[in-house]
PDB file of all heavy atoms in Angstrom:
ATOM      1  N   ASP A   1      81.552  99.745 101.997  1.00  0.00           N
ATOM      2  CA  ASP A   1      82.869 100.269 101.596  1.00  0.00           C
ATOM      3  C   ASP A   1      83.759  99.178 101.031  1.00  0.00           C
ATOM      4  O   ASP A   1      84.467  99.362 100.085  1.00  0.00           O
ATOM      5  CB  ASP A   1      83.512 100.954 102.789  1.00  0.00           C
ATOM      6  CG  ASP A   1      82.898 102.284 103.138  1.00  0.00           C
ATOM      7  OD1 ASP A   1      82.225 102.891 102.289  1.00  0.00           O
ATOM      8  OD2 ASP A   1      83.056 102.740 104.321  1.00  0.00           O
ATOM      9  N   VAL A   2      83.739  98.021 101.743  1.00  0.00           N
ATOM     10  CA  VAL A   2      84.501  96.859 101.220  1.00  0.00           C
ATOM     11  C   VAL A   2      84.108  96.470  99.800  1.00  0.00           C
ATOM     12  O   VAL A   2      84.943  96.180  98.968  1.00  0.00           O
ATOM     13  CB  VAL A   2      84.360  95.691 102.171  1.00  0.00           C
ATOM     14  CG1 VAL A   2      84.986  94.385 101.589  1.00  0.00           C
ATOM     15  CG2 VAL A   2      84.984  95.994 103.514  1.00  0.00           C
ATOM     16  N   LEU A   3      82.803  96.453  99.580  1.00  0.00           N
ATOM     17  CA  LEU A   3      82.356  96.150  98.199  1.00  0.00           C
ATOM     18  C   LEU A   3      82.785  97.121  97.133  1.00  0.00           C
ATOM     19  O   LEU A   3      83.141  96.799  96.054  1.00  0.00           O
ATOM     20  CB  LEU A   3      80.808  95.956  98.219  1.00  0.00           C
ATOM     21  CG  LEU A   3      80.276  94.784  99.015  1.00  0.00           C
ATOM     22  CD1 LEU A   3      78.731  94.833  99.025  1.00  0.00           C
ATOM     23  CD2 LEU A   3      80.781  93.472  98.456  1.00  0.00           C
ATOM     24  N   ILE A   4      82.720  98.416  97.537  1.00  0.00           N
ATOM     25  CA  ILE A   4      83.156  99.497  96.651  1.00  0.00           C
ATOM     26  C   ILE A   4      84.635  99.309  96.319  1.00  0.00           C
ATOM     27  O   ILE A   4      85.052  99.431  95.179  1.00  0.00           O
ATOM     28  CB  ILE A   4      82.893 100.894  97.202  1.00  0.00           C
ATOM     29  CG1 ILE A   4      81.388 101.200  97.255  1.00  0.00           C
ATOM     30  CG2 ILE A   4      83.595 101.924  96.427  1.00  0.00           C
ATOM     31  CD1 ILE A   4      80.964 102.419  98.007  1.00  0.00           C
ATOM     32  N   THR A   5      85.425  99.030  97.373  1.00  0.00           N
ATOM     33  CA  THR A   5      86.870  98.821  97.155  1.00  0.00           C
ATOM     34  C   THR A   5      87.118  97.692  96.159  1.00  0.00           C
ATOM     35  O   THR A   5      87.954  97.829  95.254  1.00  0.00           O
ATOM     36  CB  THR A   5      87.533  98.460  98.489  1.00  0.00           C
ATOM     37  OG1 THR A   5      87.492  99.599  99.347  1.00  0.00           O
ATOM     38  CG2 THR A   5      88.996  98.069  98.269  1.00  0.00           C
ATOM     39  N   GLY A   6      86.372  96.583  96.314  1.00  0.00           N
ATOM     40  CA  GLY A   6      86.503  95.473  95.419  1.00  0.00           C
ATOM     41  C   GLY A   6      86.106  95.813  93.945  1.00  0.00           C
ATOM     42  O   GLY A   6      86.820  95.423  93.050  1.00  0.00           O
ATOM     43  N   LYS A   7      85.069  96.659  93.798  1.00  0.00           N
ATOM     44  CA  LYS A   7      84.688  97.013  92.446  1.00  0.00           C
ATOM     45  C   LYS A   7      85.685  97.998  91.800  1.00  0.00           C
ATOM     46  O   LYS A   7      85.938  97.897  90.619  1.00  0.00           O
ATOM     47  CB  LYS A   7      83.313  97.722  92.510  1.00  0.00           C
ATOM     48  CG  LYS A   7      82.148  96.782  92.814  1.00  0.00           C
ATOM     49  CD  LYS A   7      80.760  97.396  92.633  1.00  0.00           C
ATOM     50  CE  LYS A   7      80.438  98.445  93.591  1.00  0.00           C
ATOM     51  NZ  LYS A   7      79.042  98.987  93.421  1.00  0.00           N
ATOM     52  N   VAL A   8      86.251  98.898  92.624  1.00  0.00           N
ATOM     53  CA  VAL A   8      87.253  99.819  92.103  1.00  0.00           C
ATOM     54  C   VAL A   8      88.504  98.967  91.629  1.00  0.00           C
ATOM     55  O   VAL A   8      89.064  99.233  90.542  1.00  0.00           O
ATOM     56  CB  VAL A   8      87.675 100.845  93.151  1.00  0.00           C
ATOM     57  CG1 VAL A   8      88.896 101.662  92.685  1.00  0.00           C
ATOM     58  CG2 VAL A   8      86.526 101.803  93.405  1.00  0.00           C
ATOM     59  N   LYS A   9      88.933  98.053  92.451  1.00  0.00           N
ATOM     60  CA  LYS A   9      90.115  97.249  92.071  1.00  0.00           C
ATOM     61  C   LYS A   9      89.804  96.445  90.778  1.00  0.00           C
ATOM     62  O   LYS A   9      90.694  96.368  89.906  1.00  0.00           O
ATOM     63  CB  LYS A   9      90.464  96.246  93.222  1.00  0.00           C
ATOM     64  CG  LYS A   9      91.049  96.973  94.438  1.00  0.00           C
ATOM     65  CD  LYS A   9      91.310  95.909  95.494  1.00  0.00           C
ATOM     66  CE  LYS A   9      91.955  96.578  96.709  1.00  0.00           C
ATOM     67  NZ  LYS A   9      92.204  95.579  97.778  1.00  0.00           N
ATOM     68  N   ALA A  10      88.626  95.913  90.710  1.00  0.00           N
ATOM     69  CA  ALA A  10      88.296  95.144  89.468  1.00  0.00           C
ATOM     70  C   ALA A  10      88.272  96.017  88.255  1.00  0.00           C
ATOM     71  O   ALA A  10      88.665  95.614  87.167  1.00  0.00           O
ATOM     72  CB  ALA A  10      86.889  94.481  89.694  1.00  0.00           C
ATOM     73  N   SER A  11      87.826  97.280  88.434  1.00  0.00           N
ATOM     74  CA  SER A  11      87.844  98.221  87.298  1.00  0.00           C
ATOM     75  C   SER A  11      89.222  98.582  86.885  1.00  0.00           C
ATOM     76  O   SER A  11      89.537  98.689  85.672  1.00  0.00           O
ATOM     77  CB  SER A  11      87.088  99.527  87.715  1.00  0.00           C
ATOM     78  OG  SER A  11      85.743  99.272  87.939  1.00  0.00           O
ATOM     79  N   PHE A  12      90.160  98.669  87.837  1.00  0.00           N
ATOM     80  CA  PHE A  12      91.563  98.846  87.516  1.00  0.00           C
ATOM     81  C   PHE A  12      92.102  97.728  86.744  1.00  0.00           C
ATOM     82  O   PHE A  12      92.920  97.901  85.761  1.00  0.00           O
ATOM     83  CB  PHE A  12      92.388  99.079  88.762  1.00  0.00           C
ATOM     84  CG  PHE A  12      92.178 100.418  89.439  1.00  0.00           C
ATOM     85  CD1 PHE A  12      92.627 100.628  90.760  1.00  0.00           C
ATOM     86  CD2 PHE A  12      91.490 101.452  88.834  1.00  0.00           C
ATOM     87  CE1 PHE A  12      92.417 101.862  91.419  1.00  0.00           C
ATOM     88  CE2 PHE A  12      91.247 102.651  89.444  1.00  0.00           C
ATOM     89  CZ  PHE A  12      91.744 102.848  90.756  1.00  0.00           C
ATOM     90  N   VAL A  13      91.800  96.514  87.099  1.00  0.00           N
ATOM     91  CA  VAL A  13      92.269  95.274  86.386  1.00  0.00           C
ATOM     92  C   VAL A  13      91.834  95.360  84.957  1.00  0.00           C
ATOM     93  O   VAL A  13      92.569  94.946  84.060  1.00  0.00           O
ATOM     94  CB  VAL A  13      91.760  94.005  87.098  1.00  0.00           C
ATOM     95  CG1 VAL A  13      92.012  92.831  86.192  1.00  0.00           C
ATOM     96  CG2 VAL A  13      92.411  93.801  88.449  1.00  0.00           C
ATOM     97  N   ASP A  14      90.667  95.907  84.719  1.00  0.00           N
ATOM     98  CA  ASP A  14      90.029  95.908  83.353  1.00  0.00           C
ATOM     99  C   ASP A  14      90.444  97.110  82.550  1.00  0.00           C
ATOM    100  O   ASP A  14      89.940  97.283  81.472  1.00  0.00           O
ATOM    101  CB  ASP A  14      88.520  95.787  83.461  1.00  0.00           C
ATOM    102  CG  ASP A  14      87.913  95.146  82.325  1.00  0.00           C
ATOM    103  OD1 ASP A  14      88.508  94.315  81.679  1.00  0.00           O
ATOM    104  OD2 ASP A  14      86.752  95.570  81.938  1.00  0.00           O
ATOM    105  N   THR A  15      91.260  98.000  83.098  1.00  0.00           N
ATOM    106  CA  THR A  15      91.692  99.215  82.463  1.00  0.00           C
ATOM    107  C   THR A  15      93.059  99.109  81.817  1.00  0.00           C
ATOM    108  O   THR A  15      94.038  98.854  82.520  1.00  0.00           O
ATOM    109  CB  THR A  15      91.614 100.414  83.387  1.00  0.00           C
ATOM    110  OG1 THR A  15      90.324 100.545  84.020  1.00  0.00           O
ATOM    111  CG2 THR A  15      92.019 101.711  82.737  1.00  0.00           C
ATOM    112  N   LYS A  16      93.091  99.358  80.495  1.00  0.00           N
ATOM    113  CA  LYS A  16      94.379  99.325  79.810  1.00  0.00           C
ATOM    114  C   LYS A  16      95.292 100.442  80.297  1.00  0.00           C
ATOM    115  O   LYS A  16      94.816 101.552  80.645  1.00  0.00           O
ATOM    116  CB  LYS A  16      94.178  99.519  78.303  1.00  0.00           C
ATOM    117  CG  LYS A  16      95.356  99.371  77.446  1.00  0.00           C
ATOM    118  CD  LYS A  16      95.003  99.532  75.979  1.00  0.00           C
ATOM    119  CE  LYS A  16      96.265  99.402  75.131  1.00  0.00           C
ATOM    120  NZ  LYS A  16      95.972  99.581  73.706  1.00  0.00           N
ATOM    121  N   ASP A  17      96.561 100.164  80.360  1.00  0.00           N
ATOM    122  CA  ASP A  17      97.564 101.147  80.749  1.00  0.00           C
ATOM    123  C   ASP A  17      97.564 101.499  82.256  1.00  0.00           C
ATOM    124  O   ASP A  17      98.172 102.530  82.666  1.00  0.00           O
ATOM    125  CB  ASP A  17      97.472 102.471  79.940  1.00  0.00           C
ATOM    126  CG  ASP A  17      97.731 102.238  78.445  1.00  0.00           C
ATOM    127  OD1 ASP A  17      98.489 101.342  78.161  1.00  0.00           O
ATOM    128  OD2 ASP A  17      97.066 102.914  77.655  1.00  0.00           O
ATOM    129  N   LEU A  18      96.930 100.646  83.098  1.00  0.00           N
ATOM    130  CA  LEU A  18      97.042 100.825  84.514  1.00  0.00           C
ATOM    131  C   LEU A  18      97.676  99.639  85.150  1.00  0.00           C
ATOM    132  O   LEU A  18      97.239  98.490  84.921  1.00  0.00           O
ATOM    133  CB  LEU A  18      95.632 101.040  85.169  1.00  0.00           C
ATOM    134  CG  LEU A  18      95.087 102.447  85.404  1.00  0.00           C
ATOM    135  CD1 LEU A  18      93.781 102.331  86.139  1.00  0.00           C
ATOM    136  CD2 LEU A  18      96.024 103.297  86.074  1.00  0.00           C
ATOM    137  N   TYR A  19      98.743  99.865  85.833  1.00  0.00           N
ATOM    138  CA  TYR A  19      99.388  98.797  86.619  1.00  0.00           C
ATOM    139  C   TYR A  19      98.696  98.730  87.957  1.00  0.00           C
ATOM    140  O   TYR A  19      99.007  99.440  88.910  1.00  0.00           O
ATOM    141  CB  TYR A  19     100.932  99.083  86.767  1.00  0.00           C
ATOM    142  CG  TYR A  19     101.718  98.867  85.554  1.00  0.00           C
ATOM    143  CD1 TYR A  19     101.701  99.847  84.509  1.00  0.00           C
ATOM    144  CD2 TYR A  19     102.545  97.720  85.366  1.00  0.00           C
ATOM    145  CE1 TYR A  19     102.419  99.693  83.367  1.00  0.00           C
ATOM    146  CE2 TYR A  19     103.260  97.565  84.190  1.00  0.00           C
ATOM    147  CZ  TYR A  19     103.243  98.546  83.216  1.00  0.00           C
ATOM    148  OH  TYR A  19     103.966  98.329  82.063  1.00  0.00           O
ATOM    149  N   ALA A  20      97.686  97.849  88.041  1.00  0.00           N
ATOM    150  CA  ALA A  20      96.831  97.845  89.172  1.00  0.00           C
ATOM    151  C   ALA A  20      97.445  97.640  90.503  1.00  0.00           C
ATOM    152  O   ALA A  20      97.063  98.211  91.521  1.00  0.00           O
ATOM    153  CB  ALA A  20      95.676  96.852  88.923  1.00  0.00           C
ATOM    154  N   ASN A  21      98.521  96.853  90.527  1.00  0.00           N
ATOM    155  CA  ASN A  21      99.140  96.505  91.767  1.00  0.00           C
ATOM    156  C   ASN A  21      99.988  97.698  92.373  1.00  0.00           C
ATOM    157  O   ASN A  21     100.430  97.621  93.484  1.00  0.00           O
ATOM    158  CB  ASN A  21     100.069  95.294  91.660  1.00  0.00           C
ATOM    159  CG  ASN A  21     100.484  94.774  93.023  1.00  0.00           C
ATOM    160  OD1 ASN A  21      99.675  94.635  93.911  1.00  0.00           O
ATOM    161  ND2 ASN A  21     101.797  94.599  93.191  1.00  0.00           N
ATOM    162  N   SER A  22     100.135  98.720  91.587  1.00  0.00           N
ATOM    163  CA  SER A  22     100.819  99.959  92.102  1.00  0.00           C
ATOM    164  C   SER A  22      99.878 100.855  92.832  1.00  0.00           C
ATOM    165  O   SER A  22     100.279 101.871  93.340  1.00  0.00           O
ATOM    166  CB  SER A  22     101.510 100.673  90.955  1.00  0.00           C
ATOM    167  OG  SER A  22     100.514 101.161  90.054  1.00  0.00           O
ATOM    168  N   ILE A  23      98.555 100.528  92.892  1.00  0.00           N
ATOM    169  CA  ILE A  23      97.611 101.347  93.504  1.00  0.00           C
ATOM    170  C   ILE A  23      96.878 100.680  94.693  1.00  0.00           C
ATOM    171  O   ILE A  23      96.324  99.610  94.545  1.00  0.00           O
ATOM    172  CB  ILE A  23      96.508 101.873  92.470  1.00  0.00           C
ATOM    173  CG1 ILE A  23      97.237 102.600  91.332  1.00  0.00           C
ATOM    174  CG2 ILE A  23      95.513 102.790  93.146  1.00  0.00           C
ATOM    175  CD1 ILE A  23      96.312 102.877  90.167  1.00  0.00           C
ATOM    176  N   LYS A  24      96.901 101.311  95.840  1.00  0.00           N
ATOM    177  CA  LYS A  24      96.215 100.836  97.010  1.00  0.00           C
ATOM    178  C   LYS A  24      94.899 101.581  97.116  1.00  0.00           C
ATOM    179  O   LYS A  24      94.912 102.777  97.048  1.00  0.00           O
ATOM    180  CB  LYS A  24      97.027 101.025  98.287  1.00  0.00           C
ATOM    181  CG  LYS A  24      96.425 100.435  99.495  1.00  0.00           C
ATOM    182  CD  LYS A  24      97.358 100.620 100.722  1.00  0.00           C
ATOM    183  CE  LYS A  24      96.861  99.912 101.932  1.00  0.00           C
ATOM    184  NZ  LYS A  24      96.980  98.421 101.842  1.00  0.00           N
ATOM    185  N   VAL A  25      93.805 100.840  97.346  1.00  0.00           N
ATOM    186  CA  VAL A  25      92.468 101.443  97.419  1.00  0.00           C
ATOM    187  C   VAL A  25      91.912 101.335  98.817  1.00  0.00           C
ATOM    188  O   VAL A  25      91.916 100.251  99.372  1.00  0.00           O
ATOM    189  CB  VAL A  25      91.514 100.804  96.438  1.00  0.00           C
ATOM    190  CG1 VAL A  25      90.094 101.426  96.488  1.00  0.00           C
ATOM    191  CG2 VAL A  25      92.039 100.786  94.983  1.00  0.00           C
ATOM    192  N   VAL A  26      91.512 102.488  99.390  1.00  0.00           N
ATOM    193  CA  VAL A  26      90.890 102.480 100.724  1.00  0.00           C
ATOM    194  C   VAL A  26      89.587 103.223 100.592  1.00  0.00           C
ATOM    195  O   VAL A  26      89.529 104.320  99.949  1.00  0.00           O
ATOM    196  CB  VAL A  26      91.801 103.222 101.762  1.00  0.00           C
ATOM    197  CG1 VAL A  26      91.099 103.329 103.072  1.00  0.00           C
ATOM    198  CG2 VAL A  26      93.159 102.547 101.902  1.00  0.00           C
ATOM    199  N   THR A  27      88.517 102.714 101.124  1.00  0.00           N
ATOM    200  CA  THR A  27      87.206 103.315 101.009  1.00  0.00           C
ATOM    201  C   THR A  27      86.599 103.534 102.350  1.00  0.00           C
ATOM    202  O   THR A  27      86.610 102.630 103.228  1.00  0.00           O
ATOM    203  CB  THR A  27      86.209 102.498 100.174  1.00  0.00           C
ATOM    204  OG1 THR A  27      86.824 102.128  98.910  1.00  0.00           O
ATOM    205  CG2 THR A  27      84.905 103.202  99.926  1.00  0.00           C
ATOM    206  N   GLU A  28      86.077 104.747 102.616  1.00  0.00           N
ATOM    207  CA  GLU A  28      85.511 105.091 103.875  1.00  0.00           C
ATOM    208  C   GLU A  28      84.273 105.958 103.606  1.00  0.00           C
ATOM    209  O   GLU A  28      84.389 107.030 103.007  1.00  0.00           O
ATOM    210  CB  GLU A  28      86.516 105.873 104.738  1.00  0.00           C
ATOM    211  CG  GLU A  28      86.132 105.981 106.232  1.00  0.00           C
ATOM    212  CD  GLU A  28      86.431 104.616 106.976  1.00  0.00           C
ATOM    213  OE1 GLU A  28      87.540 104.096 106.862  1.00  0.00           O
ATOM    214  OE2 GLU A  28      85.518 104.097 107.638  1.00  0.00           O
ATOM    215  N   ARG A  29      83.075 105.474 104.033  1.00  0.00           N
ATOM    216  CA  ARG A  29      81.830 106.206 103.880  1.00  0.00           C
ATOM    217  C   ARG A  29      81.614 106.547 102.411  1.00  0.00           C
ATOM    218  O   ARG A  29      81.134 107.655 102.123  1.00  0.00           O
ATOM    219  CB  ARG A  29      81.812 107.441 104.758  1.00  0.00           C
ATOM    220  CG  ARG A  29      81.940 107.159 106.253  1.00  0.00           C
ATOM    221  CD  ARG A  29      81.774 108.425 107.101  1.00  0.00           C
ATOM    222  NE  ARG A  29      82.672 109.467 106.668  1.00  0.00           N
ATOM    223  CZ  ARG A  29      83.963 109.540 107.081  1.00  0.00           C
ATOM    224  NH1 ARG A  29      84.512 108.622 107.866  1.00  0.00           N
ATOM    225  NH2 ARG A  29      84.689 110.553 106.618  1.00  0.00           N
ATOM    226  N   GLY A  30      81.997 105.679 101.461  1.00  0.00           N
ATOM    227  CA  GLY A  30      81.841 105.938 100.078  1.00  0.00           C
ATOM    228  C   GLY A  30      82.882 106.776  99.457  1.00  0.00           C
ATOM    229  O   GLY A  30      82.905 106.981  98.163  1.00  0.00           O
ATOM    230  N   ILE A  31      83.815 107.296 100.232  1.00  0.00           N
ATOM    231  CA  ILE A  31      84.940 108.098  99.721  1.00  0.00           C
ATOM    232  C   ILE A  31      86.093 107.168  99.428  1.00  0.00           C
ATOM    233  O   ILE A  31      86.526 106.413 100.302  1.00  0.00           O
ATOM    234  CB  ILE A  31      85.381 109.209 100.715  1.00  0.00           C
ATOM    235  CG1 ILE A  31      84.222 110.118 101.081  1.00  0.00           C
ATOM    236  CG2 ILE A  31      86.527 110.024 100.166  1.00  0.00           C
ATOM    237  CD1 ILE A  31      84.504 111.122 102.218  1.00  0.00           C
ATOM    238  N   VAL A  32      86.580 107.191  98.185  1.00  0.00           N
ATOM    239  CA  VAL A  32      87.676 106.305  97.794  1.00  0.00           C
ATOM    240  C   VAL A  32      89.047 107.098  97.863  1.00  0.00           C
ATOM    241  O   VAL A  32      89.144 108.135  97.259  1.00  0.00           O
ATOM    242  CB  VAL A  32      87.466 105.784  96.397  1.00  0.00           C
ATOM    243  CG1 VAL A  32      88.677 104.996  95.849  1.00  0.00           C
ATOM    244  CG2 VAL A  32      86.257 104.850  96.394  1.00  0.00           C
ATOM    245  N   TYR A  33      89.956 106.503  98.592  1.00  0.00           N
ATOM    246  CA  TYR A  33      91.330 107.102  98.648  1.00  0.00           C
ATOM    247  C   TYR A  33      92.230 106.213  97.854  1.00  0.00           C
ATOM    248  O   TYR A  33      92.268 104.987  97.987  1.00  0.00           O
ATOM    249  CB  TYR A  33      91.809 107.141 100.128  1.00  0.00           C
ATOM    250  CG  TYR A  33      90.909 107.978 101.022  1.00  0.00           C
ATOM    251  CD1 TYR A  33      89.808 107.424 101.657  1.00  0.00           C
ATOM    252  CD2 TYR A  33      91.235 109.347 101.211  1.00  0.00           C
ATOM    253  CE1 TYR A  33      88.984 108.253 102.488  1.00  0.00           C
ATOM    254  CE2 TYR A  33      90.367 110.129 102.044  1.00  0.00           C
ATOM    255  CZ  TYR A  33      89.279 109.570 102.654  1.00  0.00           C
ATOM    256  OH  TYR A  33      88.445 110.319 103.440  1.00  0.00           O
ATOM    257  N   LEU A  34      93.055 106.863  97.018  1.00  0.00           N
ATOM    258  CA  LEU A  34      93.980 106.119  96.188  1.00  0.00           C
ATOM    259  C   LEU A  34      95.427 106.419  96.576  1.00  0.00           C
ATOM    260  O   LEU A  34      95.819 107.579  96.581  1.00  0.00           O
ATOM    261  CB  LEU A  34      93.806 106.451  94.725  1.00  0.00           C
ATOM    262  CG  LEU A  34      92.413 106.198  94.164  1.00  0.00           C
ATOM    263  CD1 LEU A  34      92.336 106.681  92.674  1.00  0.00           C
ATOM    264  CD2 LEU A  34      91.941 104.733  94.267  1.00  0.00           C
ATOM    265  N   MET A  35      96.233 105.375  96.891  1.00  0.00           N
ATOM    266  CA  MET A  35      97.606 105.552  97.253  1.00  0.00           C
ATOM    267  C   MET A  35      98.462 104.754  96.335  1.00  0.00           C
ATOM    268  O   MET A  35      97.997 103.813  95.658  1.00  0.00           O
ATOM    269  CB  MET A  35      97.845 105.007  98.704  1.00  0.00           C
ATOM    270  CG  MET A  35      96.913 105.564  99.773  1.00  0.00           C
ATOM    271  SD  MET A  35      97.249 104.840 101.400  1.00  0.00           S
ATOM    272  CE  MET A  35      98.774 105.780 101.874  1.00  0.00           C
ATOM    273  N   GLY A  36      99.724 105.141  96.217  1.00  0.00           N
ATOM    274  CA  GLY A  36     100.629 104.415  95.354  1.00  0.00           C
ATOM    275  C   GLY A  36     101.654 105.313  94.687  1.00  0.00           C
ATOM    276  O   GLY A  36     101.679 106.482  94.819  1.00  0.00           O
ATOM    277  N   ARG A  37     102.571 104.636  93.977  1.00  0.00           N
ATOM    278  CA  ARG A  37     103.664 105.319  93.276  1.00  0.00           C
ATOM    279  C   ARG A  37     103.262 105.253  91.783  1.00  0.00           C
ATOM    280  O   ARG A  37     103.350 104.250  91.147  1.00  0.00           O
ATOM    281  CB  ARG A  37     104.980 104.710  93.483  1.00  0.00           C
ATOM    282  CG  ARG A  37     105.393 104.609  94.972  1.00  0.00           C
ATOM    283  CD  ARG A  37     106.821 104.109  95.125  1.00  0.00           C
ATOM    284  NE  ARG A  37     107.721 105.194  94.680  1.00  0.00           N
ATOM    285  CZ  ARG A  37     108.971 104.999  94.228  1.00  0.00           C
ATOM    286  NH1 ARG A  37     109.363 103.757  94.034  1.00  0.00           N
ATOM    287  NH2 ARG A  37     109.662 106.010  93.862  1.00  0.00           N
TER     288      ARG A  37
END
């Protein structure tokens, strides 16, 4: 789950028009939860 979280965050960094720091990523049993404003 930790590795998935890291990969999701890295994908956000590489995505145009996403302010990555406005999104918190939590992963549990392969399920990704996205929090933020």
